[in-house]
PDB file of all heavy atoms in Angstrom:
ATOM      1  N   THR A   1       0.857  -1.180   0.000  1.00  0.00           N
ATOM      2  CA  THR A   1       0.000   0.000   0.000  1.00  0.00           C
ATOM      3  C   THR A   1       0.893   1.230   0.000  1.00  0.00           C
ATOM      4  O   THR A   1       1.875   1.288   0.738  1.00  0.00           O
ATOM      5  CB  THR A   1      -0.897   0.016   1.257  1.00  0.00           C
ATOM      6  OG1 THR A   1      -1.660  -1.183   1.267  1.00  0.00           O
ATOM      7  CG2 THR A   1      -1.804   1.210   1.265  1.00  0.00           C
ATOM      8  N   CYS A   2       0.547   2.163  -0.833  1.00  0.00           N
ATOM      9  CA  CYS A   2       1.319   3.394  -0.890  1.00  0.00           C
ATOM     10  C   CYS A   2       1.082   4.192   0.390  1.00  0.00           C
ATOM     11  O   CYS A   2      -0.071   4.394   0.793  1.00  0.00           O
ATOM     12  CB  CYS A   2       0.879   4.204  -2.108  1.00  0.00           C
ATOM     13  SG  CYS A   2       1.880   5.652  -2.396  1.00  0.00           S
ATOM     14  N   PRO A   3       2.153   4.639   1.026  1.00  0.00           N
ATOM     15  CA  PRO A   3       1.994   5.413   2.260  1.00  0.00           C
ATOM     16  C   PRO A   3       1.172   6.681   2.016  1.00  0.00           C
ATOM     17  O   PRO A   3       1.213   7.263   0.931  1.00  0.00           O
ATOM     18  CB  PRO A   3       3.417   5.781   2.658  1.00  0.00           C
ATOM     19  CG  PRO A   3       4.305   4.890   1.862  1.00  0.00           C
ATOM     20  CD  PRO A   3       3.551   4.475   0.657  1.00  0.00           C
ATOM     21  N   GLU A   4       0.439   7.083   3.026  1.00  0.00           N
ATOM     22  CA  GLU A   4      -0.387   8.283   2.907  1.00  0.00           C
ATOM     23  C   GLU A   4       0.466   9.499   2.557  1.00  0.00           C
ATOM     24  O   GLU A   4       0.048  10.352   1.778  1.00  0.00           O
ATOM     25  CB  GLU A   4      -1.148   8.533   4.204  1.00  0.00           C
ATOM     26  CG  GLU A   4      -2.129   9.672   4.114  1.00  0.00           C
ATOM     27  CD  GLU A   4      -2.954   9.836   5.381  1.00  0.00           C
ATOM     28  OE1 GLU A   4      -3.093   8.873   6.149  1.00  0.00           O
ATOM     29  OE2 GLU A   4      -3.457  10.954   5.586  1.00  0.00           O
ATOM     30  N   SER A   5       1.663   9.559   3.101  1.00  0.00           N
ATOM     31  CA  SER A   5       2.537  10.702   2.811  1.00  0.00           C
ATOM     32  C   SER A   5       2.897  10.761   1.324  1.00  0.00           C
ATOM     33  O   SER A   5       2.987  11.844   0.741  1.00  0.00           O
ATOM     34  CB  SER A   5       3.812  10.642   3.652  1.00  0.00           C
ATOM     35  OG  SER A   5       4.527   9.445   3.380  1.00  0.00           O
ATOM     36  N   ALA A   6       3.085   9.586   0.698  1.00  0.00           N
ATOM     37  CA  ALA A   6       3.383   9.557  -0.732  1.00  0.00           C
ATOM     38  C   ALA A   6       2.160   9.965  -1.546  1.00  0.00           C
ATOM     39  O   ALA A   6       2.277  10.646  -2.563  1.00  0.00           O
ATOM     40  CB  ALA A   6       3.853   8.173  -1.152  1.00  0.00           C
ATOM     41  N   GLN A   7       0.987   9.554  -1.086  1.00  0.00           N
ATOM     42  CA  GLN A   7      -0.246   9.950  -1.771  1.00  0.00           C
ATOM     43  C   GLN A   7      -0.438  11.464  -1.688  1.00  0.00           C
ATOM     44  O   GLN A   7      -0.796  12.106  -2.671  1.00  0.00           O
ATOM     45  CB  GLN A   7      -1.441   9.221  -1.167  1.00  0.00           C
ATOM     46  CG  GLN A   7      -1.425   7.726  -1.411  1.00  0.00           C
ATOM     47  CD  GLN A   7      -2.552   7.012  -0.683  1.00  0.00           C
ATOM     48  OE1 GLN A   7      -3.501   7.633  -0.247  1.00  0.00           O
ATOM     49  NE2 GLN A   7      -2.439   5.700  -0.566  1.00  0.00           N
ATOM     50  N   ILE A   8      -0.174  12.011  -0.517  1.00  0.00           N
ATOM     51  CA  ILE A   8      -0.283  13.461  -0.340  1.00  0.00           C
ATOM     52  C   ILE A   8       0.746  14.178  -1.211  1.00  0.00           C
ATOM     53  O   ILE A   8       0.435  15.186  -1.852  1.00  0.00           O
ATOM     54  CB  ILE A   8      -0.124  13.845   1.144  1.00  0.00           C
ATOM     55  CG1 ILE A   8      -1.330  13.339   1.935  1.00  0.00           C
ATOM     56  CG2 ILE A   8       0.045  15.356   1.314  1.00  0.00           C
ATOM     57  CD1 ILE A   8      -1.183  13.443   3.435  1.00  0.00           C
ATOM     58  N   ALA A   9       1.956  13.661  -1.260  1.00  0.00           N
ATOM     59  CA  ALA A   9       2.994  14.259  -2.098  1.00  0.00           C
ATOM     60  C   ALA A   9       2.585  14.221  -3.570  1.00  0.00           C
ATOM     61  O   ALA A   9       2.799  15.190  -4.313  1.00  0.00           O
ATOM     62  CB  ALA A   9       4.324  13.534  -1.900  1.00  0.00           C
ATOM     63  N   ALA A  10       1.996  13.107  -3.995  1.00  0.00           N
ATOM     64  CA  ALA A  10       1.566  12.988  -5.389  1.00  0.00           C
ATOM     65  C   ALA A  10       0.464  13.992  -5.700  1.00  0.00           C
ATOM     66  O   ALA A  10       0.508  14.667  -6.735  1.00  0.00           O
ATOM     67  CB  ALA A  10       1.082  11.568  -5.662  1.00  0.00           C
ATOM     68  N   LEU A  11      -0.517  14.098  -4.820  1.00  0.00           N
ATOM     69  CA  LEU A  11      -1.605  15.047  -5.047  1.00  0.00           C
ATOM     70  C   LEU A  11      -1.104  16.492  -5.008  1.00  0.00           C
ATOM     71  O   LEU A  11      -1.554  17.335  -5.784  1.00  0.00           O
ATOM     72  CB  LEU A  11      -2.715  14.839  -4.017  1.00  0.00           C
ATOM     73  CG  LEU A  11      -3.506  13.537  -4.176  1.00  0.00           C
ATOM     74  CD1 LEU A  11      -4.455  13.358  -3.003  1.00  0.00           C
ATOM     75  CD2 LEU A  11      -4.254  13.507  -5.496  1.00  0.00           C
ATOM     76  N   THR A  12      -0.169  16.771  -4.118  1.00  0.00           N
ATOM     77  CA  THR A  12       0.416  18.110  -4.051  1.00  0.00           C
ATOM     78  C   THR A  12       1.157  18.433  -5.340  1.00  0.00           C
ATOM     79  O   THR A  12       1.027  19.538  -5.887  1.00  0.00           O
ATOM     80  CB  THR A  12       1.371  18.219  -2.844  1.00  0.00           C
ATOM     81  OG1 THR A  12       0.639  17.957  -1.662  1.00  0.00           O
ATOM     82  CG2 THR A  12       2.010  19.594  -2.760  1.00  0.00           C
ATOM     83  N   ALA A  13       1.924  17.477  -5.846  1.00  0.00           N
ATOM     84  CA  ALA A  13       2.664  17.685  -7.095  1.00  0.00           C
ATOM     85  C   ALA A  13       1.707  17.915  -8.255  1.00  0.00           C
ATOM     86  O   ALA A  13       1.922  18.808  -9.082  1.00  0.00           O
ATOM     87  CB  ALA A  13       3.564  16.484  -7.377  1.00  0.00           C
ATOM     88  N   ILE A  14       0.650  17.125  -8.308  1.00  0.00           N
ATOM     89  CA  ILE A  14      -0.338  17.290  -9.378  1.00  0.00           C
ATOM     90  C   ILE A  14      -0.996  18.667  -9.270  1.00  0.00           C
ATOM     91  O   ILE A  14      -1.159  19.373 -10.272  1.00  0.00           O
ATOM     92  CB  ILE A  14      -1.392  16.162  -9.315  1.00  0.00           C
ATOM     93  CG1 ILE A  14      -0.740  14.836  -9.716  1.00  0.00           C
ATOM     94  CG2 ILE A  14      -2.581  16.469 -10.219  1.00  0.00           C
ATOM     95  CD1 ILE A  14      -1.578  13.606  -9.397  1.00  0.00           C
ATOM     96  N   GLY A  15      -1.349  19.063  -8.066  1.00  0.00           N
ATOM     97  CA  GLY A  15      -1.953  20.379  -7.861  1.00  0.00           C
ATOM     98  C   GLY A  15      -1.036  21.505  -8.297  1.00  0.00           C
ATOM     99  O   GLY A  15      -1.462  22.439  -8.979  1.00  0.00           O
ATOM    100  N   LYS A  16       0.235  21.421  -7.913  1.00  0.00           N
ATOM    101  CA  LYS A  16       1.195  22.459  -8.300  1.00  0.00           C
ATOM    102  C   LYS A  16       1.386  22.495  -9.810  1.00  0.00           C
ATOM    103  O   LYS A  16       1.498  23.571 -10.405  1.00  0.00           O
ATOM    104  CB  LYS A  16       2.537  22.243  -7.594  1.00  0.00           C
ATOM    105  CG  LYS A  16       2.508  22.605  -6.133  1.00  0.00           C
ATOM    106  CD  LYS A  16       3.887  22.507  -5.507  1.00  0.00           C
ATOM    107  CE  LYS A  16       3.859  22.987  -4.079  1.00  0.00           C
ATOM    108  NZ  LYS A  16       5.191  23.176  -3.529  1.00  0.00           N
ATOM    109  N   ALA A  17       1.421  21.326 -10.430  1.00  0.00           N
ATOM    110  CA  ALA A  17       1.566  21.273 -11.883  1.00  0.00           C
ATOM    111  C   ALA A  17       0.348  21.881 -12.571  1.00  0.00           C
ATOM    112  O   ALA A  17       0.472  22.593 -13.573  1.00  0.00           O
ATOM    113  CB  ALA A  17       1.781  19.836 -12.345  1.00  0.00           C
ATOM    114  N   LEU A  18      -0.840  21.625 -12.026  1.00  0.00           N
ATOM    115  CA  LEU A  18      -2.056  22.203 -12.600  1.00  0.00           C
ATOM    116  C   LEU A  18      -2.070  23.725 -12.460  1.00  0.00           C
ATOM    117  O   LEU A  18      -2.460  24.434 -13.389  1.00  0.00           O
ATOM    118  CB  LEU A  18      -3.297  21.599 -11.939  1.00  0.00           C
ATOM    119  CG  LEU A  18      -3.611  20.156 -12.327  1.00  0.00           C
ATOM    120  CD1 LEU A  18      -4.742  19.619 -11.455  1.00  0.00           C
ATOM    121  CD2 LEU A  18      -3.972  20.047 -13.796  1.00  0.00           C
ATOM    122  N   VAL A  19      -1.641  24.223 -11.315  1.00  0.00           N
ATOM    123  CA  VAL A  19      -1.579  25.671 -11.114  1.00  0.00           C
ATOM    124  C   VAL A  19      -0.570  26.298 -12.087  1.00  0.00           C
ATOM    125  O   VAL A  19      -0.854  27.327 -12.711  1.00  0.00           O
ATOM    126  CB  VAL A  19      -1.217  26.016  -9.650  1.00  0.00           C
ATOM    127  CG1 VAL A  19      -0.875  27.489  -9.489  1.00  0.00           C
ATOM    128  CG2 VAL A  19      -2.358  25.631  -8.727  1.00  0.00           C
ATOM    129  N   ALA A  20       0.576  25.681 -12.244  1.00  0.00           N
ATOM    130  CA  ALA A  20       1.585  26.202 -13.170  1.00  0.00           C
ATOM    131  C   ALA A  20       1.055  26.191 -14.607  1.00  0.00           C
ATOM    132  O   ALA A  20       1.252  27.148 -15.359  1.00  0.00           O
ATOM    133  CB  ALA A  20       2.870  25.383 -13.071  1.00  0.00           C
ATOM    134  N   THR A  21       0.354  25.125 -14.976  1.00  0.00           N
ATOM    135  CA  THR A  21      -0.211  25.034 -16.316  1.00  0.00           C
ATOM    136  C   THR A  21      -1.288  26.097 -16.522  1.00  0.00           C
ATOM    137  O   THR A  21      -1.339  26.743 -17.571  1.00  0.00           O
ATOM    138  CB  THR A  21      -0.793  23.627 -16.565  1.00  0.00           C
ATOM    139  OG1 THR A  21       0.253  22.671 -16.415  1.00  0.00           O
ATOM    140  CG2 THR A  21      -1.392  23.507 -17.944  1.00  0.00           C
ATOM    141  N   ALA A  22      -2.128  26.295 -15.530  1.00  0.00           N
ATOM    142  CA  ALA A  22      -3.180  27.316 -15.625  1.00  0.00           C
ATOM    143  C   ALA A  22      -2.563  28.695 -15.787  1.00  0.00           C
ATOM    144  O   ALA A  22      -3.043  29.512 -16.586  1.00  0.00           O
ATOM    145  CB  ALA A  22      -4.072  27.271 -14.386  1.00  0.00           C
ATOM    146  N   TYR A  23      -1.498  28.968 -15.067  1.00  0.00           N
ATOM    147  CA  TYR A  23      -0.814  30.261 -15.182  1.00  0.00           C
ATOM    148  C   TYR A  23      -0.244  30.434 -16.590  1.00  0.00           C
ATOM    149  O   TYR A  23      -0.368  31.502 -17.192  1.00  0.00           O
ATOM    150  CB  TYR A  23       0.295  30.375 -14.129  1.00  0.00           C
ATOM    151  CG  TYR A  23       1.063  31.666 -14.239  1.00  0.00           C
ATOM    152  CD1 TYR A  23       0.513  32.854 -13.768  1.00  0.00           C
ATOM    153  CD2 TYR A  23       2.324  31.693 -14.821  1.00  0.00           C
ATOM    154  CE1 TYR A  23       1.212  34.049 -13.877  1.00  0.00           C
ATOM    155  CE2 TYR A  23       3.020  32.887 -14.946  1.00  0.00           C
ATOM    156  CZ  TYR A  23       2.459  34.060 -14.467  1.00  0.00           C
ATOM    157  OH  TYR A  23       3.145  35.232 -14.592  1.00  0.00           O
ATOM    158  N   GLN A  24       0.381  29.386 -17.115  1.00  0.00           N
ATOM    159  CA  GLN A  24       0.942  29.457 -18.466  1.00  0.00           C
ATOM    160  C   GLN A  24      -0.159  29.687 -19.502  1.00  0.00           C
ATOM    161  O   GLN A  24       0.002  30.492 -20.421  1.00  0.00           O
ATOM    162  CB  GLN A  24       1.720  28.178 -18.793  1.00  0.00           C
ATOM    163  CG  GLN A  24       3.001  28.029 -17.995  1.00  0.00           C
ATOM    164  CD  GLN A  24       3.627  26.650 -18.135  1.00  0.00           C
ATOM    165  OE1 GLN A  24       2.981  25.714 -18.583  1.00  0.00           O
ATOM    166  NE2 GLN A  24       4.876  26.530 -17.733  1.00  0.00           N
ATOM    167  N   LEU A  25      -1.284  28.994 -19.347  1.00  0.00           N
ATOM    168  CA  LEU A  25      -2.402  29.168 -20.277  1.00  0.00           C
ATOM    169  C   LEU A  25      -2.978  30.578 -20.179  1.00  0.00           C
ATOM    170  O   LEU A  25      -3.347  31.172 -21.194  1.00  0.00           O
ATOM    171  CB  LEU A  25      -3.482  28.124 -20.020  1.00  0.00           C
ATOM    172  CG  LEU A  25      -3.124  26.696 -20.415  1.00  0.00           C
ATOM    173  CD1 LEU A  25      -4.221  25.730 -19.957  1.00  0.00           C
ATOM    174  CD2 LEU A  25      -2.901  26.578 -21.910  1.00  0.00           C
ATOM    175  N   SER A  26      -3.050  31.115 -18.987  1.00  0.00           N
ATOM    176  CA  SER A  26      -3.534  32.478 -18.801  1.00  0.00           C
ATOM    177  C   SER A  26      -2.617  33.475 -19.499  1.00  0.00           C
ATOM    178  O   SER A  26      -3.083  34.399 -20.174  1.00  0.00           O
ATOM    179  CB  SER A  26      -3.617  32.800 -17.309  1.00  0.00           C
ATOM    180  OG  SER A  26      -3.956  34.147 -17.111  1.00  0.00           O
ATOM    181  N   THR A  27      -1.319  33.287 -19.348  1.00  0.00           N
ATOM    182  CA  THR A  27      -0.349  34.163 -19.997  1.00  0.00           C
ATOM    183  C   THR A  27      -0.478  34.092 -21.513  1.00  0.00           C
ATOM    184  O   THR A  27      -0.485  35.118 -22.200  1.00  0.00           O
ATOM    185  CB  THR A  27       1.087  33.787 -19.562  1.00  0.00           C
ATOM    186  OG1 THR A  27       1.176  33.901 -18.140  1.00  0.00           O
ATOM    187  CG2 THR A  27       2.124  34.682 -20.208  1.00  0.00           C
ATOM    188  N   ILE A  28      -0.591  32.880 -22.040  1.00  0.00           N
ATOM    189  CA  ILE A  28      -0.751  32.696 -23.486  1.00  0.00           C
ATOM    190  C   ILE A  28      -2.043  33.357 -23.966  1.00  0.00           C
ATOM    191  O   ILE A  28      -2.067  34.030 -24.998  1.00  0.00           O
ATOM    192  CB  ILE A  28      -0.724  31.197 -23.851  1.00  0.00           C
ATOM    193  CG1 ILE A  28       0.676  30.631 -23.627  1.00  0.00           C
ATOM    194  CG2 ILE A  28      -1.167  30.975 -25.297  1.00  0.00           C
ATOM    195  CD1 ILE A  28       0.747  29.118 -23.672  1.00  0.00           C
ATOM    196  N   SER A  29      -3.114  33.189 -23.206  1.00  0.00           N
ATOM    197  CA  SER A  29      -4.397  33.790 -23.562  1.00  0.00           C
ATOM    198  C   SER A  29      -4.286  35.310 -23.621  1.00  0.00           C
ATOM    199  O   SER A  29      -4.805  35.949 -24.545  1.00  0.00           O
ATOM    200  CB  SER A  29      -5.463  33.373 -22.548  1.00  0.00           C
ATOM    201  OG  SER A  29      -6.684  33.995 -22.827  1.00  0.00           O
ATOM    202  N   GLN A  30      -3.610  35.903 -22.660  1.00  0.00           N
ATOM    203  CA  GLN A  30      -3.418  37.354 -22.643  1.00  0.00           C
ATOM    204  C   GLN A  30      -2.597  37.807 -23.846  1.00  0.00           C
ATOM    205  O   GLN A  30      -2.901  38.832 -24.460  1.00  0.00           O
ATOM    206  CB  GLN A  30      -2.746  37.784 -21.348  1.00  0.00           C
ATOM    207  CG  GLN A  30      -3.623  37.639 -20.130  1.00  0.00           C
ATOM    208  CD  GLN A  30      -2.877  37.882 -18.830  1.00  0.00           C
ATOM    209  OE1 GLN A  30      -1.695  38.174 -18.819  1.00  0.00           O
ATOM    210  NE2 GLN A  30      -3.582  37.745 -17.707  1.00  0.00           N
ATOM    211  N   GLN A  31      -1.567  37.039 -24.193  1.00  0.00           N
ATOM    212  CA  GLN A  31      -0.736  37.385 -25.346  1.00  0.00           C
ATOM    213  C   GLN A  31      -1.535  37.295 -26.641  1.00  0.00           C
ATOM    214  O   GLN A  31      -1.408  38.151 -27.528  1.00  0.00           O
ATOM    215  CB  GLN A  31       0.492  36.483 -25.409  1.00  0.00           C
ATOM    216  CG  GLN A  31       1.466  36.720 -24.279  1.00  0.00           C
ATOM    217  CD  GLN A  31       2.558  35.660 -24.203  1.00  0.00           C
ATOM    218  OE1 GLN A  31       2.414  34.572 -24.732  1.00  0.00           O
ATOM    219  NE2 GLN A  31       3.645  35.993 -23.518  1.00  0.00           N
ATOM    220  N   LEU A  32      -2.368  36.268 -26.756  1.00  0.00           N
ATOM    221  CA  LEU A  32      -3.206  36.117 -27.949  1.00  0.00           C
ATOM    222  C   LEU A  32      -4.225  37.250 -28.045  1.00  0.00           C
ATOM    223  O   LEU A  32      -4.481  37.767 -29.140  1.00  0.00           O
ATOM    224  CB  LEU A  32      -3.912  34.762 -27.942  1.00  0.00           C
ATOM    225  CG  LEU A  32      -3.026  33.555 -28.207  1.00  0.00           C
ATOM    226  CD1 LEU A  32      -3.814  32.268 -27.979  1.00  0.00           C
ATOM    227  CD2 LEU A  32      -2.463  33.589 -29.620  1.00  0.00           C
ATOM    228  N   ALA A  33      -4.807  37.629 -26.928  1.00  0.00           N
ATOM    229  CA  ALA A  33      -5.769  38.735 -26.924  1.00  0.00           C
ATOM    230  C   ALA A  33      -5.102  40.036 -27.355  1.00  0.00           C
ATOM    231  O   ALA A  33      -5.674  40.811 -28.138  1.00  0.00           O
ATOM    232  CB  ALA A  33      -6.398  38.883 -25.540  1.00  0.00           C
ATOM    233  N   ALA A  34      -3.896  40.271 -26.866  1.00  0.00           N
ATOM    234  CA  ALA A  34      -3.165  41.482 -27.246  1.00  0.00           C
ATOM    235  C   ALA A  34      -2.821  41.457 -28.735  1.00  0.00           C
ATOM    236  O   ALA A  34      -2.946  42.477 -29.427  1.00  0.00           O
ATOM    237  CB  ALA A  34      -1.898  41.614 -26.400  1.00  0.00           C
ATOM    238  N   ALA A  35      -2.396  40.301 -29.225  1.00  0.00           N
ATOM    239  CA  ALA A  35      -2.068  40.189 -30.655  1.00  0.00           C
ATOM    240  C   ALA A  35      -3.315  40.386 -31.507  1.00  0.00           C
ATOM    241  O   ALA A  35      -3.264  41.059 -32.556  1.00  0.00           O
ATOM    242  CB  ALA A  35      -1.437  38.831 -30.941  1.00  0.00           C
ATOM    243  N   ASN A  36      -4.422  39.829 -31.082  1.00  0.00           N
ATOM    244  CA  ASN A  36      -5.684  39.988 -31.794  1.00  0.00           C
ATOM    245  C   ASN A  36      -6.100  41.443 -31.844  1.00  0.00           C
ATOM    246  O   ASN A  36      -6.529  41.949 -32.887  1.00  0.00           O
ATOM    247  CB  ASN A  36      -6.768  39.134 -31.134  1.00  0.00           C
ATOM    248  CG  ASN A  36      -8.028  39.065 -31.949  1.00  0.00           C
ATOM    249  OD1 ASN A  36      -7.988  39.121 -33.173  1.00  0.00           O
ATOM    250  ND2 ASN A  36      -9.156  38.965 -31.273  1.00  0.00           N
ATOM    251  N   GLN A  37      -5.983  42.138 -30.723  1.00  0.00           N
ATOM    252  CA  GLN A  37      -6.321  43.553 -30.670  1.00  0.00           C
ATOM    253  C   GLN A  37      -5.413  44.355 -31.599  1.00  0.00           C
ATOM    254  O   GLN A  37      -5.878  45.261 -32.305  1.00  0.00           O
ATOM    255  CB  GLN A  37      -6.208  44.067 -29.235  1.00  0.00           C
ATOM    256  CG  GLN A  37      -6.705  45.484 -29.058  1.00  0.00           C
ATOM    257  CD  GLN A  37      -8.190  45.616 -29.364  1.00  0.00           C
ATOM    258  OE1 GLN A  37      -8.981  44.753 -28.988  1.00  0.00           O
ATOM    259  NE2 GLN A  37      -8.581  46.671 -30.036  1.00  0.00           N
ATOM    260  N   HIS A  38      -4.151  44.011 -31.623  1.00  0.00           N
ATOM    261  CA  HIS A  38      -3.183  44.704 -32.484  1.00  0.00           C
ATOM    262  C   HIS A  38      -3.568  44.502 -33.951  1.00  0.00           C
ATOM    263  O   HIS A  38      -3.511  45.443 -34.749  1.00  0.00           O
ATOM    264  CB  HIS A  38      -1.771  44.175 -32.214  1.00  0.00           C
ATOM    265  CG  HIS A  38      -0.723  44.764 -33.078  1.00  0.00           C
ATOM    266  ND1 HIS A  38      -0.305  46.065 -32.932  1.00  0.00           N
ATOM    267  CD2 HIS A  38      -0.019  44.250 -34.131  1.00  0.00           C
ATOM    268  CE1 HIS A  38       0.612  46.317 -33.850  1.00  0.00           C
ATOM    269  NE2 HIS A  38       0.809  45.246 -34.583  1.00  0.00           N
ATOM    270  N   LEU A  39      -3.948  43.285 -34.312  1.00  0.00           N
ATOM    271  CA  LEU A  39      -4.353  43.017 -35.685  1.00  0.00           C
ATOM    272  C   LEU A  39      -5.619  43.773 -36.071  1.00  0.00           C
ATOM    273  O   LEU A  39      -5.749  44.250 -37.206  1.00  0.00           O
ATOM    274  CB  LEU A  39      -4.574  41.513 -35.881  1.00  0.00           C
ATOM    275  CG  LEU A  39      -3.310  40.645 -35.865  1.00  0.00           C
ATOM    276  CD1 LEU A  39      -3.681  39.168 -35.894  1.00  0.00           C
ATOM    277  CD2 LEU A  39      -2.407  40.995 -37.042  1.00  0.00           C
ATOM    278  N   ARG A  40      -6.527  43.919 -35.149  1.00  0.00           N
ATOM    279  CA  ARG A  40      -7.767  44.658 -35.431  1.00  0.00           C
ATOM    280  C   ARG A  40      -7.510  46.136 -35.615  1.00  0.00           C
ATOM    281  O   ARG A  40      -8.228  46.827 -36.341  1.00  0.00           O
ATOM    282  CB  ARG A  40      -8.770  44.451 -34.297  1.00  0.00           C
ATOM    283  CG  ARG A  40      -9.365  43.061 -34.275  1.00  0.00           C
ATOM    284  CD  ARG A  40     -10.303  42.900 -33.116  1.00  0.00           C
ATOM    285  NE  ARG A  40     -10.733  41.537 -33.024  1.00  0.00           N
ATOM    286  CZ  ARG A  40     -11.966  41.159 -32.776  1.00  0.00           C
ATOM    287  NH1 ARG A  40     -12.913  42.065 -32.587  1.00  0.00           N
ATOM    288  NH2 ARG A  40     -12.272  39.889 -32.718  1.00  0.00           N
TER     289      ARG A  40
END
């Protein structure tokens, strides 16, 4: 059985990765919006 501490570490890592990905997607979205506005 995987120790609870390892399960918590795995969930924490997944959470941090999701937050980092969301931040990257937000940044890309802002850049695309700015580029779109510039083109208009």
